[in-house]
Amino acid sequence: MLEEQLRALRLPKSLQNEIDDLVRALNAAEEPEAIEREGAMQVAFILGLEKAKALRPADIEALYMMFDDAVQARLRSASHHP
């Protein structure tokens, strides 16, 4: 789901590999602490894009929401698998 949402944003190719890496790392994280750590890295990455004015504000906001939703979903999933 996250991957489809990201593709719909049509982000510059120069950012796509880095974002793909963030998605892969989040998907690979299994423990809640690791998932939260990945979420923090995502926020830091997006904040860097925002400060650099690398994307439109609407795209930045969409990235924050998409990644937050994905992190929350992973945390819910991890809590159901002891």
PDB file of N, CA and C in Angstrom:
ATOM      1  N   MET A   1       0.823  -1.195   0.000  1.00  0.00           N
ATOM      2  CA  MET A   1       0.000   0.000   0.000  1.00  0.00           C
ATOM      3  C   MET A   1       0.868   1.260   0.000  1.00  0.00           C
ATOM      4  N   LEU A   2       1.848   1.326   0.901  1.00  0.00           N
ATOM      5  CA  LEU A   2       2.713   2.499   0.966  1.00  0.00           C
ATOM      6  C   LEU A   2       3.430   2.707  -0.363  1.00  0.00           C
ATOM      7  N   GLU A   3       3.898   1.626  -0.949  1.00  0.00           N
ATOM      8  CA  GLU A   3       4.618   1.737  -2.212  1.00  0.00           C
ATOM      9  C   GLU A   3       3.740   2.367  -3.302  1.00  0.00           C
ATOM     10  N   GLU A   4       2.460   1.967  -3.358  1.00  0.00           N
ATOM     11  CA  GLU A   4       1.551   2.532  -4.358  1.00  0.00           C
ATOM     12  C   GLU A   4       1.311   4.014  -4.094  1.00  0.00           C
ATOM     13  N   GLN A   5       1.153   4.376  -2.820  1.00  0.00           N
ATOM     14  CA  GLN A   5       0.936   5.785  -2.475  1.00  0.00           C
ATOM     15  C   GLN A   5       2.148   6.626  -2.881  1.00  0.00           C
ATOM     16  N   LEU A   6       3.330   6.092  -2.635  1.00  0.00           N
ATOM     17  CA  LEU A   6       4.542   6.823  -2.989  1.00  0.00           C
ATOM     18  C   LEU A   6       4.667   6.987  -4.501  1.00  0.00           C
ATOM     19  N   ARG A   7       4.345   5.946  -5.246  1.00  0.00           N
ATOM     20  CA  ARG A   7       4.401   6.038  -6.710  1.00  0.00           C
ATOM     21  C   ARG A   7       3.429   7.099  -7.213  1.00  0.00           C
ATOM     22  N   ALA A   8       2.276   7.215  -6.565  1.00  0.00           N
ATOM     23  CA  ALA A   8       1.273   8.192  -6.989  1.00  0.00           C
ATOM     24  C   ALA A   8       1.776   9.629  -6.820  1.00  0.00           C
ATOM     25  N   LEU A   9       2.714   9.845  -5.898  1.00  0.00           N
ATOM     26  CA  LEU A   9       3.271  11.189  -5.715  1.00  0.00           C
ATOM     27  C   LEU A   9       4.179  11.604  -6.866  1.00  0.00           C
ATOM     28  N   ARG A  10       4.704  10.626  -7.596  1.00  0.00           N
ATOM     29  CA  ARG A  10       5.616  10.902  -8.707  1.00  0.00           C
ATOM     30  C   ARG A  10       6.791  11.767  -8.251  1.00  0.00           C
ATOM     31  N   LEU A  11       7.496  11.253  -7.254  1.00  0.00           N
ATOM     32  CA  LEU A  11       8.651  11.960  -6.713  1.00  0.00           C
ATOM     33  C   LEU A  11       9.818  11.903  -7.691  1.00  0.00           C
ATOM     34  N   PRO A  12      10.730  12.859  -7.589  1.00  0.00           N
ATOM     35  CA  PRO A  12      11.903  12.826  -8.478  1.00  0.00           C
ATOM     36  C   PRO A  12      12.674  11.523  -8.325  1.00  0.00           C
ATOM     37  N   LYS A  13      13.193  11.031  -9.445  1.00  0.00           N
ATOM     38  CA  LYS A  13      13.951   9.779  -9.421  1.00  0.00           C
ATOM     39  C   LYS A  13      15.106   9.845  -8.436  1.00  0.00           C
ATOM     40  N   SER A  14      15.699  11.029  -8.287  1.00  0.00           N
ATOM     41  CA  SER A  14      16.845  11.182  -7.398  1.00  0.00           C
ATOM     42  C   SER A  14      16.492  10.853  -5.953  1.00  0.00           C
ATOM     43  N   LEU A  15      15.237  10.995  -5.576  1.00  0.00           N
ATOM     44  CA  LEU A  15      14.800  10.690  -4.208  1.00  0.00           C
ATOM     45  C   LEU A  15      14.230   9.288  -4.082  1.00  0.00           C
ATOM     46  N   GLN A  16      13.796   8.728  -5.191  1.00  0.00           N
ATOM     47  CA  GLN A  16      13.073   7.457  -5.139  1.00  0.00           C
ATOM     48  C   GLN A  16      13.895   6.331  -4.512  1.00  0.00           C
ATOM     49  N   ASN A  17      15.178   6.219  -4.841  1.00  0.00           N
ATOM     50  CA  ASN A  17      15.989   5.142  -4.276  1.00  0.00           C
ATOM     51  C   ASN A  17      16.104   5.269  -2.765  1.00  0.00           C
ATOM     52  N   GLU A  18      16.316   6.497  -2.282  1.00  0.00           N
ATOM     53  CA  GLU A  18      16.424   6.702  -0.839  1.00  0.00           C
ATOM     54  C   GLU A  18      15.114   6.362  -0.138  1.00  0.00           C
ATOM     55  N   ILE A  19      14.005   6.758  -0.732  1.00  0.00           N
ATOM     56  CA  ILE A  19      12.705   6.464  -0.144  1.00  0.00           C
ATOM     57  C   ILE A  19      12.430   4.967  -0.188  1.00  0.00           C
ATOM     58  N   ASP A  20      12.810   4.314  -1.281  1.00  0.00           N
ATOM     59  CA  ASP A  20      12.657   2.856  -1.365  1.00  0.00           C
ATOM     60  C   ASP A  20      13.447   2.168  -0.253  1.00  0.00           C
ATOM     61  N   ASP A  21      14.659   2.678   0.021  1.00  0.00           N
ATOM     62  CA  ASP A  21      15.464   2.110   1.111  1.00  0.00           C
ATOM     63  C   ASP A  21      14.759   2.265   2.459  1.00  0.00           C
ATOM     64  N   LEU A  22      14.150   3.420   2.681  1.00  0.00           N
ATOM     65  CA  LEU A  22      13.421   3.644   3.932  1.00  0.00           C
ATOM     66  C   LEU A  22      12.243   2.673   4.059  1.00  0.00           C
ATOM     67  N   VAL A  23      11.539   2.460   2.969  1.00  0.00           N
ATOM     68  CA  VAL A  23      10.396   1.537   2.979  1.00  0.00           C
ATOM     69  C   VAL A  23      10.879   0.115   3.261  1.00  0.00           C
ATOM     70  N   ARG A  24      11.951  -0.298   2.602  1.00  0.00           N
ATOM     71  CA  ARG A  24      12.490  -1.648   2.825  1.00  0.00           C
ATOM     72  C   ARG A  24      12.917  -1.837   4.277  1.00  0.00           C
ATOM     73  N   ALA A  25      13.581  -0.834   4.838  1.00  0.00           N
ATOM     74  CA  ALA A  25      14.040  -0.928   6.226  1.00  0.00           C
ATOM     75  C   ALA A  25      12.857  -1.012   7.184  1.00  0.00           C
ATOM     76  N   LEU A  26      11.817  -0.251   6.925  1.00  0.00           N
ATOM     77  CA  LEU A  26      10.623  -0.313   7.771  1.00  0.00           C
ATOM     78  C   LEU A  26       9.985  -1.691   7.666  1.00  0.00           C
ATOM     79  N   ASN A  27       9.869  -2.209   6.463  1.00  0.00           N
ATOM     80  CA  ASN A  27       9.251  -3.522   6.266  1.00  0.00           C
ATOM     81  C   ASN A  27      10.062  -4.641   6.915  1.00  0.00           C
ATOM     82  N   ALA A  28      11.375  -4.457   7.009  1.00  0.00           N
ATOM     83  CA  ALA A  28      12.234  -5.478   7.600  1.00  0.00           C
ATOM     84  C   ALA A  28      12.259  -5.416   9.126  1.00  0.00           C
ATOM     85  N   ALA A  29      11.917  -4.276   9.688  1.00  0.00           N
ATOM     86  CA  ALA A  29      11.934  -4.114  11.147  1.00  0.00           C
ATOM     87  C   ALA A  29      10.837  -4.966  11.763  1.00  0.00           C
ATOM     88  N   GLU A  30      11.179  -5.682  12.841  1.00  0.00           N
ATOM     89  CA  GLU A  30      10.199  -6.576  13.446  1.00  0.00           C
ATOM     90  C   GLU A  30       9.834  -6.185  14.862  1.00  0.00           C
ATOM     91  N   GLU A  31      10.808  -5.744  15.637  1.00  0.00           N
ATOM     92  CA  GLU A  31      10.547  -5.361  17.021  1.00  0.00           C
ATOM     93  C   GLU A  31      10.004  -3.929  17.064  1.00  0.00           C
ATOM     94  N   PRO A  32       9.099  -3.636  17.994  1.00  0.00           N
ATOM     95  CA  PRO A  32       8.556  -2.270  18.089  1.00  0.00           C
ATOM     96  C   PRO A  32       9.644  -1.197  18.167  1.00  0.00           C
ATOM     97  N   GLU A  33      10.729  -1.471  18.896  1.00  0.00           N
ATOM     98  CA  GLU A  33      11.805  -0.479  19.010  1.00  0.00           C
ATOM     99  C   GLU A  33      12.446  -0.219  17.648  1.00  0.00           C
ATOM    100  N   ALA A  34      12.644  -1.271  16.873  1.00  0.00           N
ATOM    101  CA  ALA A  34      13.240  -1.125  15.542  1.00  0.00           C
ATOM    102  C   ALA A  34      12.294  -0.377  14.608  1.00  0.00           C
ATOM    103  N   ILE A  35      11.009  -0.660  14.714  1.00  0.00           N
ATOM    104  CA  ILE A  35      10.016   0.022  13.879  1.00  0.00           C
ATOM    105  C   ILE A  35      10.006   1.511  14.223  1.00  0.00           C
ATOM    106  N   GLU A  36      10.026   1.830  15.518  1.00  0.00           N
ATOM    107  CA  GLU A  36      10.037   3.233  15.933  1.00  0.00           C
ATOM    108  C   GLU A  36      11.316   3.930  15.480  1.00  0.00           C
ATOM    109  N   ARG A  37      12.424   3.227  15.528  1.00  0.00           N
ATOM    110  CA  ARG A  37      13.706   3.791  15.077  1.00  0.00           C
ATOM    111  C   ARG A  37      13.634   4.103  13.575  1.00  0.00           C
ATOM    112  N   GLU A  38      13.060   3.186  12.813  1.00  0.00           N
ATOM    113  CA  GLU A  38      12.894   3.427  11.370  1.00  0.00           C
ATOM    114  C   GLU A  38      11.977   4.625  11.136  1.00  0.00           C
ATOM    115  N   GLY A  39      10.916   4.716  11.931  1.00  0.00           N
ATOM    116  CA  GLY A  39      10.009   5.859  11.807  1.00  0.00           C
ATOM    117  C   GLY A  39      10.725   7.170  12.075  1.00  0.00           C
ATOM    118  N   ALA A  40      11.597   7.188  13.066  1.00  0.00           N
ATOM    119  CA  ALA A  40      12.358   8.398  13.379  1.00  0.00           C
ATOM    120  C   ALA A  40      13.293   8.759  12.224  1.00  0.00           C
ATOM    121  N   MET A  41      13.887   7.756  11.594  1.00  0.00           N
ATOM    122  CA  MET A  41      14.769   8.024  10.450  1.00  0.00           C
ATOM    123  C   MET A  41      13.966   8.583   9.273  1.00  0.00           C
ATOM    124  N   GLN A  42      12.763   8.075   9.087  1.00  0.00           N
ATOM    125  CA  GLN A  42      11.909   8.580   8.014  1.00  0.00           C
ATOM    126  C   GLN A  42      11.562  10.046   8.247  1.00  0.00           C
ATOM    127  N   VAL A  43      11.188  10.364   9.489  1.00  0.00           N
ATOM    128  CA  VAL A  43      10.843  11.746   9.817  1.00  0.00           C
ATOM    129  C   VAL A  43      12.043  12.658   9.579  1.00  0.00           C
ATOM    130  N   ALA A  44      13.222  12.215  10.003  1.00  0.00           N
ATOM    131  CA  ALA A  44      14.434  13.019   9.814  1.00  0.00           C
ATOM    132  C   ALA A  44      14.704  13.243   8.320  1.00  0.00           C
ATOM    133  N   PHE A  45      14.516  12.203   7.526  1.00  0.00           N
ATOM    134  CA  PHE A  45      14.737  12.316   6.081  1.00  0.00           C
ATOM    135  C   PHE A  45      13.761  13.326   5.477  1.00  0.00           C
ATOM    136  N   ILE A  46      12.498  13.204   5.830  1.00  0.00           N
ATOM    137  CA  ILE A  46      11.482  14.103   5.273  1.00  0.00           C
ATOM    138  C   ILE A  46      11.732  15.530   5.744  1.00  0.00           C
ATOM    139  N   LEU A  47      12.117  15.691   7.003  1.00  0.00           N
ATOM    140  CA  LEU A  47      12.432  17.017   7.519  1.00  0.00           C
ATOM    141  C   LEU A  47      13.573  17.642   6.711  1.00  0.00           C
ATOM    142  N   GLY A  48      14.569  16.833   6.364  1.00  0.00           N
ATOM    143  CA  GLY A  48      15.662  17.330   5.528  1.00  0.00           C
ATOM    144  C   GLY A  48      15.164  17.798   4.172  1.00  0.00           C
ATOM    145  N   LEU A  49      14.253  17.040   3.575  1.00  0.00           N
ATOM    146  CA  LEU A  49      13.667  17.447   2.293  1.00  0.00           C
ATOM    147  C   LEU A  49      12.896  18.752   2.442  1.00  0.00           C
ATOM    148  N   GLU A  50      12.177  18.852   3.554  1.00  0.00           N
ATOM    149  CA  GLU A  50      11.380  20.052   3.802  1.00  0.00           C
ATOM    150  C   GLU A  50      12.285  21.273   3.954  1.00  0.00           C
ATOM    151  N   LYS A  51      13.342  21.140   4.758  1.00  0.00           N
ATOM    152  CA  LYS A  51      14.258  22.267   4.975  1.00  0.00           C
ATOM    153  C   LYS A  51      14.974  22.668   3.692  1.00  0.00           C
ATOM    154  N   ALA A  52      15.284  21.687   2.866  1.00  0.00           N
ATOM    155  CA  ALA A  52      15.971  21.963   1.600  1.00  0.00           C
ATOM    156  C   ALA A  52      15.004  22.450   0.526  1.00  0.00           C
ATOM    157  N   LYS A  53      13.728  22.469   0.868  1.00  0.00           N
ATOM    158  CA  LYS A  53      12.688  22.842  -0.104  1.00  0.00           C
ATOM    159  C   LYS A  53      12.807  22.003  -1.380  1.00  0.00           C
ATOM    160  N   ALA A  54      13.077  20.713  -1.168  1.00  0.00           N
ATOM    161  CA  ALA A  54      13.285  19.791  -2.281  1.00  0.00           C
ATOM    162  C   ALA A  54      11.974  19.348  -2.925  1.00  0.00           C
ATOM    163  N   LEU A  55      10.879  19.493  -2.200  1.00  0.00           N
ATOM    164  CA  LEU A  55       9.565  19.080  -2.716  1.00  0.00           C
ATOM    165  C   LEU A  55       8.536  20.144  -2.380  1.00  0.00           C
ATOM    166  N   ARG A  56       7.413  20.053  -3.056  1.00  0.00           N
ATOM    167  CA  ARG A  56       6.297  20.958  -2.745  1.00  0.00           C
ATOM    168  C   ARG A  56       5.783  20.654  -1.337  1.00  0.00           C
ATOM    169  N   PRO A  57       5.299  21.673  -0.623  1.00  0.00           N
ATOM    170  CA  PRO A  57       4.770  21.445   0.727  1.00  0.00           C
ATOM    171  C   PRO A  57       3.697  20.351   0.779  1.00  0.00           C
ATOM    172  N   ALA A  58       2.862  20.263  -0.231  1.00  0.00           N
ATOM    173  CA  ALA A  58       1.820  19.236  -0.239  1.00  0.00           C
ATOM    174  C   ALA A  58       2.427  17.830  -0.301  1.00  0.00           C
ATOM    175  N   ASP A  59       3.521  17.681  -1.047  1.00  0.00           N
ATOM    176  CA  ASP A  59       4.189  16.382  -1.134  1.00  0.00           C
ATOM    177  C   ASP A  59       4.878  16.032   0.184  1.00  0.00           C
ATOM    178  N   ILE A  60       5.465  17.040   0.824  1.00  0.00           N
ATOM    179  CA  ILE A  60       6.096  16.822   2.130  1.00  0.00           C
ATOM    180  C   ILE A  60       5.048  16.342   3.128  1.00  0.00           C
ATOM    181  N   GLU A  61       3.923  17.035   3.175  1.00  0.00           N
ATOM    182  CA  GLU A  61       2.850  16.648   4.096  1.00  0.00           C
ATOM    183  C   GLU A  61       2.357  15.232   3.796  1.00  0.00           C
ATOM    184  N   ALA A  62       2.218  14.914   2.521  1.00  0.00           N
ATOM    185  CA  ALA A  62       1.775  13.571   2.133  1.00  0.00           C
ATOM    186  C   ALA A  62       2.785  12.520   2.591  1.00  0.00           C
ATOM    187  N   LEU A  63       4.076  12.803   2.448  1.00  0.00           N
ATOM    188  CA  LEU A  63       5.095  11.855   2.890  1.00  0.00           C
ATOM    189  C   LEU A  63       5.018  11.635   4.395  1.00  0.00           C
ATOM    190  N   TYR A  64       4.893  12.721   5.151  1.00  0.00           N
ATOM    191  CA  TYR A  64       4.768  12.571   6.603  1.00  0.00           C
ATOM    192  C   TYR A  64       3.595  11.657   6.949  1.00  0.00           C
ATOM    193  N   MET A  65       2.449  11.912   6.344  1.00  0.00           N
ATOM    194  CA  MET A  65       1.249  11.127   6.660  1.00  0.00           C
ATOM    195  C   MET A  65       1.394   9.673   6.221  1.00  0.00           C
ATOM    196  N   MET A  66       1.923   9.446   5.029  1.00  0.00           N
ATOM    197  CA  MET A  66       2.080   8.075   4.525  1.00  0.00           C
ATOM    198  C   MET A  66       3.015   7.258   5.412  1.00  0.00           C
ATOM    199  N   PHE A  67       4.159   7.848   5.740  1.00  0.00           N
ATOM    200  CA  PHE A  67       5.113   7.112   6.565  1.00  0.00           C
ATOM    201  C   PHE A  67       4.590   6.919   7.980  1.00  0.00           C
ATOM    202  N   ASP A  68       3.912   7.915   8.533  1.00  0.00           N
ATOM    203  CA  ASP A  68       3.356   7.751   9.872  1.00  0.00           C
ATOM    204  C   ASP A  68       2.320   6.627   9.877  1.00  0.00           C
ATOM    205  N   ASP A  69       1.451   6.616   8.883  1.00  0.00           N
ATOM    206  CA  ASP A  69       0.454   5.541   8.790  1.00  0.00           C
ATOM    207  C   ASP A  69       1.137   4.176   8.675  1.00  0.00           C
ATOM    208  N   ALA A  70       2.201   4.099   7.872  1.00  0.00           N
ATOM    209  CA  ALA A  70       2.905   2.829   7.685  1.00  0.00           C
ATOM    210  C   ALA A  70       3.571   2.382   8.984  1.00  0.00           C
ATOM    211  N   VAL A  71       4.184   3.314   9.714  1.00  0.00           N
ATOM    212  CA  VAL A  71       4.824   2.973  10.986  1.00  0.00           C
ATOM    213  C   VAL A  71       3.771   2.480  11.973  1.00  0.00           C
ATOM    214  N   GLN A  72       2.652   3.179  12.067  1.00  0.00           N
ATOM    215  CA  GLN A  72       1.594   2.769  12.999  1.00  0.00           C
ATOM    216  C   GLN A  72       1.059   1.385  12.636  1.00  0.00           C
ATOM    217  N   ALA A  73       0.897   1.119  11.349  1.00  0.00           N
ATOM    218  CA  ALA A  73       0.421  -0.198  10.917  1.00  0.00           C
ATOM    219  C   ALA A  73       1.426  -1.286  11.289  1.00  0.00           C
ATOM    220  N   ARG A  74       2.725  -0.998  11.099  1.00  0.00           N
ATOM    221  CA  ARG A  74       3.756  -1.978  11.461  1.00  0.00           C
ATOM    222  C   ARG A  74       3.772  -2.212  12.964  1.00  0.00           C
ATOM    223  N   LEU A  75       3.600  -1.150  13.760  1.00  0.00           N
ATOM    224  CA  LEU A  75       3.570  -1.306  15.208  1.00  0.00           C
ATOM    225  C   LEU A  75       2.377  -2.159  15.650  1.00  0.00           C
ATOM    226  N   ARG A  76       1.218  -1.934  15.020  1.00  0.00           N
ATOM    227  CA  ARG A  76       0.039  -2.761  15.337  1.00  0.00           C
ATOM    228  C   ARG A  76       0.308  -4.204  14.979  1.00  0.00           C
ATOM    229  N   SER A  77       0.918  -4.427  13.831  1.00  0.00           N
ATOM    230  CA  SER A  77       1.233  -5.786  13.378  1.00  0.00           C
ATOM    231  C   SER A  77       2.215  -6.456  14.341  1.00  0.00           C
ATOM    232  N   ALA A  78       3.227  -5.716  14.766  1.00  0.00           N
ATOM    233  CA  ALA A  78       4.231  -6.278  15.670  1.00  0.00           C
ATOM    234  C   ALA A  78       3.635  -6.613  17.022  1.00  0.00           C
ATOM    235  N   SER A  79       2.660  -5.839  17.468  1.00  0.00           N
ATOM    236  CA  SER A  79       2.058  -6.099  18.784  1.00  0.00           C
ATOM    237  C   SER A  79       1.174  -7.352  18.767  1.00  0.00           C
ATOM    238  N   HIS A  80       0.763  -7.781  17.583  1.00  0.00           N
ATOM    239  CA  HIS A  80      -0.057  -8.985  17.480  1.00  0.00           C
ATOM    240  C   HIS A  80       0.770 -10.244  17.255  1.00  0.00           C
ATOM    241  N   HIS A  81       2.088 -10.073  17.096  1.00  0.00           N
ATOM    242  CA  HIS A  81       2.982 -11.213  16.899  1.00  0.00           C
ATOM    243  C   HIS A  81       4.045 -11.203  17.966  1.00  0.00           C
ATOM    244  N   PRO A  82       3.773 -11.864  19.107  1.00  0.00           N
ATOM    245  CA  PRO A  82       4.740 -11.836  20.212  1.00  0.00           C
ATOM    246  C   PRO A  82       6.044 -12.532  19.892  1.00  0.00           C
TER     247      PRO A  82
END
